[in-house]
């Protein structure tokens, strides 16, 4: 229990801007009203934040960064959107199947987003092969 005036130590959540898996975990936390339990750090691919966050994760955990990642208040690193959802479903005693927005995201938005990312990657590869 925290004393008056003490700052609560939060879990650190590392997400990547534009990452469908990061969005999925954020949607889960938001829908169960637990987003405020996390200190959110966003890595943007073309900004210094990306290198800072990926280096931090590598140095602290010894593992290459993947998103989303949670650094617990006791320094343990947890990764993978499905694994994180399962872990925090148990902690917060909630059932992911009852979260309508999460189900919508997985069935509708994630496949679309992954397709767009795949198309962008293929287009970039074609552009590079022409130069």
C-alpha atoms as a PDB file:
ATOM      1  CA  UNK A   1       0.000   0.000   0.000  1.00  0.00           C
ATOM      2  CA  UNK A   2       1.390   3.397  -0.916  1.00  0.00           C
ATOM      3  CA  UNK A   3       1.842   6.201   1.572  1.00  0.00           C
ATOM      4  CA  UNK A   4       0.424   9.661   1.010  1.00  0.00           C
ATOM      5  CA  UNK A   5       2.708  11.626  -1.295  1.00  0.00           C
ATOM      6  CA  UNK A   6       4.475   8.527  -2.631  1.00  0.00           C
ATOM      7  CA  UNK A   7       4.396   7.931  -6.359  1.00  0.00           C
ATOM      8  CA  UNK A   8       2.903   4.571  -7.299  1.00  0.00           C
ATOM      9  CA  UNK A   9       5.374   2.431  -9.222  1.00  0.00           C
ATOM     10  CA  UNK A  10       3.708   1.484 -12.476  1.00  0.00           C
ATOM     11  CA  UNK A  11       4.478  -1.242 -14.958  1.00  0.00           C
ATOM     12  CA  UNK A  12       6.171   0.206 -18.045  1.00  0.00           C
ATOM     13  CA  UNK A  13       4.397  -0.546 -21.312  1.00  0.00           C
ATOM     14  CA  UNK A  14       6.461  -0.228 -24.489  1.00  0.00           C
ATOM     15  CA  UNK A  15       4.474  -0.004 -27.706  1.00  0.00           C
ATOM     16  CA  UNK A  16       5.336   0.820 -31.299  1.00  0.00           C
ATOM     17  CA  UNK A  17       3.358   3.440 -33.201  1.00  0.00           C
ATOM     18  CA  UNK A  18       1.385   1.780 -35.996  1.00  0.00           C
ATOM     19  CA  UNK A  19       1.862  -1.741 -34.583  1.00  0.00           C
ATOM     20  CA  UNK A  20      -1.402  -3.745 -34.688  1.00  0.00           C
ATOM     21  CA  UNK A  21      -0.232  -5.947 -31.784  1.00  0.00           C
ATOM     22  CA  UNK A  22       0.531  -2.893 -29.633  1.00  0.00           C
ATOM     23  CA  UNK A  23      -2.921  -1.490 -30.417  1.00  0.00           C
ATOM     24  CA  UNK A  24      -4.503  -4.826 -29.498  1.00  0.00           C
ATOM     25  CA  UNK A  25      -2.999  -4.804 -25.991  1.00  0.00           C
ATOM     26  CA  UNK A  26      -3.855  -1.109 -25.491  1.00  0.00           C
ATOM     27  CA  UNK A  27      -7.464  -1.832 -26.521  1.00  0.00           C
ATOM     28  CA  UNK A  28      -7.576  -4.681 -23.991  1.00  0.00           C
ATOM     29  CA  UNK A  29      -6.263  -2.482 -21.151  1.00  0.00           C
ATOM     30  CA  UNK A  30      -8.539   0.403 -22.117  1.00  0.00           C
ATOM     31  CA  UNK A  31     -11.649  -1.766 -22.307  1.00  0.00           C
ATOM     32  CA  UNK A  32     -11.046  -3.192 -18.810  1.00  0.00           C
ATOM     33  CA  UNK A  33     -10.218   0.302 -17.451  1.00  0.00           C
ATOM     34  CA  UNK A  34      -6.633  -0.577 -16.484  1.00  0.00           C
ATOM     35  CA  UNK A  35      -4.659   1.602 -18.903  1.00  0.00           C
ATOM     36  CA  UNK A  36      -3.792   3.977 -16.038  1.00  0.00           C
ATOM     37  CA  UNK A  37      -1.901   1.127 -14.312  1.00  0.00           C
ATOM     38  CA  UNK A  38       0.807   1.447 -16.979  1.00  0.00           C
ATOM     39  CA  UNK A  39       3.412   4.063 -17.845  1.00  0.00           C
ATOM     40  CA  UNK A  40       3.145   4.047 -21.654  1.00  0.00           C
ATOM     41  CA  UNK A  41       6.262   4.576 -23.784  1.00  0.00           C
ATOM     42  CA  UNK A  42       5.723   4.858 -27.547  1.00  0.00           C
ATOM     43  CA  UNK A  43       8.481   4.004 -30.019  1.00  0.00           C
ATOM     44  CA  UNK A  44       8.030   5.782 -33.355  1.00  0.00           C
ATOM     45  CA  UNK A  45       9.976   4.132 -36.184  1.00  0.00           C
ATOM     46  CA  UNK A  46      11.488   7.312 -37.664  1.00  0.00           C
ATOM     47  CA  UNK A  47      12.211   9.103 -34.384  1.00  0.00           C
ATOM     48  CA  UNK A  48      14.931   8.881 -31.693  1.00  0.00           C
ATOM     49  CA  UNK A  49      12.331   7.309 -29.348  1.00  0.00           C
ATOM     50  CA  UNK A  50      12.564   4.071 -31.341  1.00  0.00           C
ATOM     51  CA  UNK A  51      16.286   3.579 -30.816  1.00  0.00           C
ATOM     52  CA  UNK A  52      16.096   4.754 -27.194  1.00  0.00           C
ATOM     53  CA  UNK A  53      13.320   2.274 -26.353  1.00  0.00           C
ATOM     54  CA  UNK A  54      14.767  -0.674 -28.292  1.00  0.00           C
ATOM     55  CA  UNK A  55      18.200  -0.132 -26.696  1.00  0.00           C
ATOM     56  CA  UNK A  56      16.620   0.169 -23.240  1.00  0.00           C
ATOM     57  CA  UNK A  57      14.774  -3.147 -23.680  1.00  0.00           C
ATOM     58  CA  UNK A  58      17.915  -4.864 -25.028  1.00  0.00           C
ATOM     59  CA  UNK A  59      20.128  -3.575 -22.209  1.00  0.00           C
ATOM     60  CA  UNK A  60      17.645  -4.337 -19.405  1.00  0.00           C
ATOM     61  CA  UNK A  61      16.279  -7.676 -20.661  1.00  0.00           C
ATOM     62  CA  UNK A  62      19.054  -9.013 -22.882  1.00  0.00           C
ATOM     63  CA  UNK A  63      16.438  -9.572 -25.591  1.00  0.00           C
ATOM     64  CA  UNK A  64      15.776  -7.855 -28.899  1.00  0.00           C
ATOM     65  CA  UNK A  65      12.806  -5.493 -28.568  1.00  0.00           C
ATOM     66  CA  UNK A  66       9.397  -6.669 -29.692  1.00  0.00           C
ATOM     67  CA  UNK A  67       6.138  -4.832 -29.261  1.00  0.00           C
ATOM     68  CA  UNK A  68       4.215  -4.718 -27.044  1.00  0.00           C
ATOM     69  CA  UNK A  69       6.551  -5.311 -24.083  1.00  0.00           C
ATOM     70  CA  UNK A  70       5.783  -4.772 -20.398  1.00  0.00           C
ATOM     71  CA  UNK A  71       8.510  -4.213 -17.820  1.00  0.00           C
ATOM     72  CA  UNK A  72       6.868  -5.125 -14.523  1.00  0.00           C
ATOM     73  CA  UNK A  73       7.531  -3.104 -11.384  1.00  0.00           C
ATOM     74  CA  UNK A  74       9.927  -5.879 -10.282  1.00  0.00           C
ATOM     75  CA  UNK A  75      11.990  -5.652 -13.507  1.00  0.00           C
ATOM     76  CA  UNK A  76      10.598  -8.669 -15.376  1.00  0.00           C
ATOM     77  CA  UNK A  77      10.007  -8.250 -19.114  1.00  0.00           C
ATOM     78  CA  UNK A  78       6.871  -9.795 -20.655  1.00  0.00           C
ATOM     79  CA  UNK A  79       6.229  -9.821 -24.400  1.00  0.00           C
ATOM     80  CA  UNK A  80       3.579 -10.728 -26.963  1.00  0.00           C
ATOM     81  CA  UNK A  81       0.087  -9.266 -27.201  1.00  0.00           C
ATOM     82  CA  UNK A  82      -1.723 -12.578 -26.674  1.00  0.00           C
ATOM     83  CA  UNK A  83       0.583 -13.600 -23.823  1.00  0.00           C
ATOM     84  CA  UNK A  84       0.161 -10.193 -22.160  1.00  0.00           C
ATOM     85  CA  UNK A  85      -3.620 -10.320 -22.556  1.00  0.00           C
ATOM     86  CA  UNK A  86      -3.684 -13.809 -21.014  1.00  0.00           C
ATOM     87  CA  UNK A  87      -1.385 -12.732 -18.142  1.00  0.00           C
ATOM     88  CA  UNK A  88      -3.345  -9.585 -17.300  1.00  0.00           C
ATOM     89  CA  UNK A  89      -6.718 -11.319 -17.799  1.00  0.00           C
ATOM     90  CA  UNK A  90      -5.707 -13.573 -14.917  1.00  0.00           C
ATOM     91  CA  UNK A  91      -4.396 -10.700 -12.773  1.00  0.00           C
ATOM     92  CA  UNK A  92      -7.461  -8.510 -13.370  1.00  0.00           C
ATOM     93  CA  UNK A  93      -9.847 -11.492 -13.333  1.00  0.00           C
ATOM     94  CA  UNK A  94     -11.456 -10.723 -16.665  1.00  0.00           C
ATOM     95  CA  UNK A  95     -12.341 -12.821 -19.706  1.00  0.00           C
ATOM     96  CA  UNK A  96     -10.971 -11.552 -23.033  1.00  0.00           C
ATOM     97  CA  UNK A  97     -13.901 -13.177 -24.865  1.00  0.00           C
ATOM     98  CA  UNK A  98     -16.252 -10.669 -23.206  1.00  0.00           C
ATOM     99  CA  UNK A  99     -14.381  -7.652 -24.592  1.00  0.00           C
ATOM    100  CA  UNK A 100     -16.329  -6.685 -27.718  1.00  0.00           C
ATOM    101  CA  UNK A 101     -13.843  -4.057 -28.953  1.00  0.00           C
ATOM    102  CA  UNK A 102     -10.949  -6.518 -28.666  1.00  0.00           C
ATOM    103  CA  UNK A 103     -12.883  -9.144 -30.633  1.00  0.00           C
ATOM    104  CA  UNK A 104     -13.760  -6.567 -33.295  1.00  0.00           C
ATOM    105  CA  UNK A 105     -10.121  -5.469 -33.545  1.00  0.00           C
ATOM    106  CA  UNK A 106      -8.834  -9.034 -33.984  1.00  0.00           C
ATOM    107  CA  UNK A 107     -11.460 -10.098 -36.509  1.00  0.00           C
ATOM    108  CA  UNK A 108     -11.700  -6.920 -38.604  1.00  0.00           C
ATOM    109  CA  UNK A 109      -8.973  -4.339 -38.115  1.00  0.00           C
ATOM    110  CA  UNK A 110      -5.862  -6.485 -37.554  1.00  0.00           C
ATOM    111  CA  UNK A 111      -6.192  -8.433 -40.835  1.00  0.00           C
ATOM    112  CA  UNK A 112      -6.671  -5.154 -42.735  1.00  0.00           C
ATOM    113  CA  UNK A 113      -3.727  -3.493 -41.018  1.00  0.00           C
ATOM    114  CA  UNK A 114      -1.458  -6.482 -41.619  1.00  0.00           C
ATOM    115  CA  UNK A 115      -2.442  -6.459 -45.294  1.00  0.00           C
ATOM    116  CA  UNK A 116      -1.611  -2.751 -45.618  1.00  0.00           C
ATOM    117  CA  UNK A 117       1.780  -3.313 -43.924  1.00  0.00           C
ATOM    118  CA  UNK A 118       2.482  -6.235 -46.280  1.00  0.00           C
ATOM    119  CA  UNK A 119       1.568  -4.120 -49.331  1.00  0.00           C
ATOM    120  CA  UNK A 120       3.824  -1.270 -48.146  1.00  0.00           C
ATOM    121  CA  UNK A 121       6.725  -3.686 -47.604  1.00  0.00           C
ATOM    122  CA  UNK A 122       6.266  -5.177 -51.090  1.00  0.00           C
ATOM    123  CA  UNK A 123       6.049  -1.713 -52.672  1.00  0.00           C
ATOM    124  CA  UNK A 124       9.242  -0.617 -50.903  1.00  0.00           C
ATOM    125  CA  UNK A 125      11.023  -3.777 -52.081  1.00  0.00           C
ATOM    126  CA  UNK A 126       9.965  -3.061 -55.691  1.00  0.00           C
ATOM    127  CA  UNK A 127      11.163   0.553 -55.409  1.00  0.00           C
ATOM    128  CA  UNK A 128      14.516  -0.585 -53.992  1.00  0.00           C
ATOM    129  CA  UNK A 129      14.951  -3.177 -56.757  1.00  0.00           C
ATOM    130  CA  UNK A 130      14.461  -0.440 -59.391  1.00  0.00           C
ATOM    131  CA  UNK A 131      17.128   1.859 -57.961  1.00  0.00           C
END
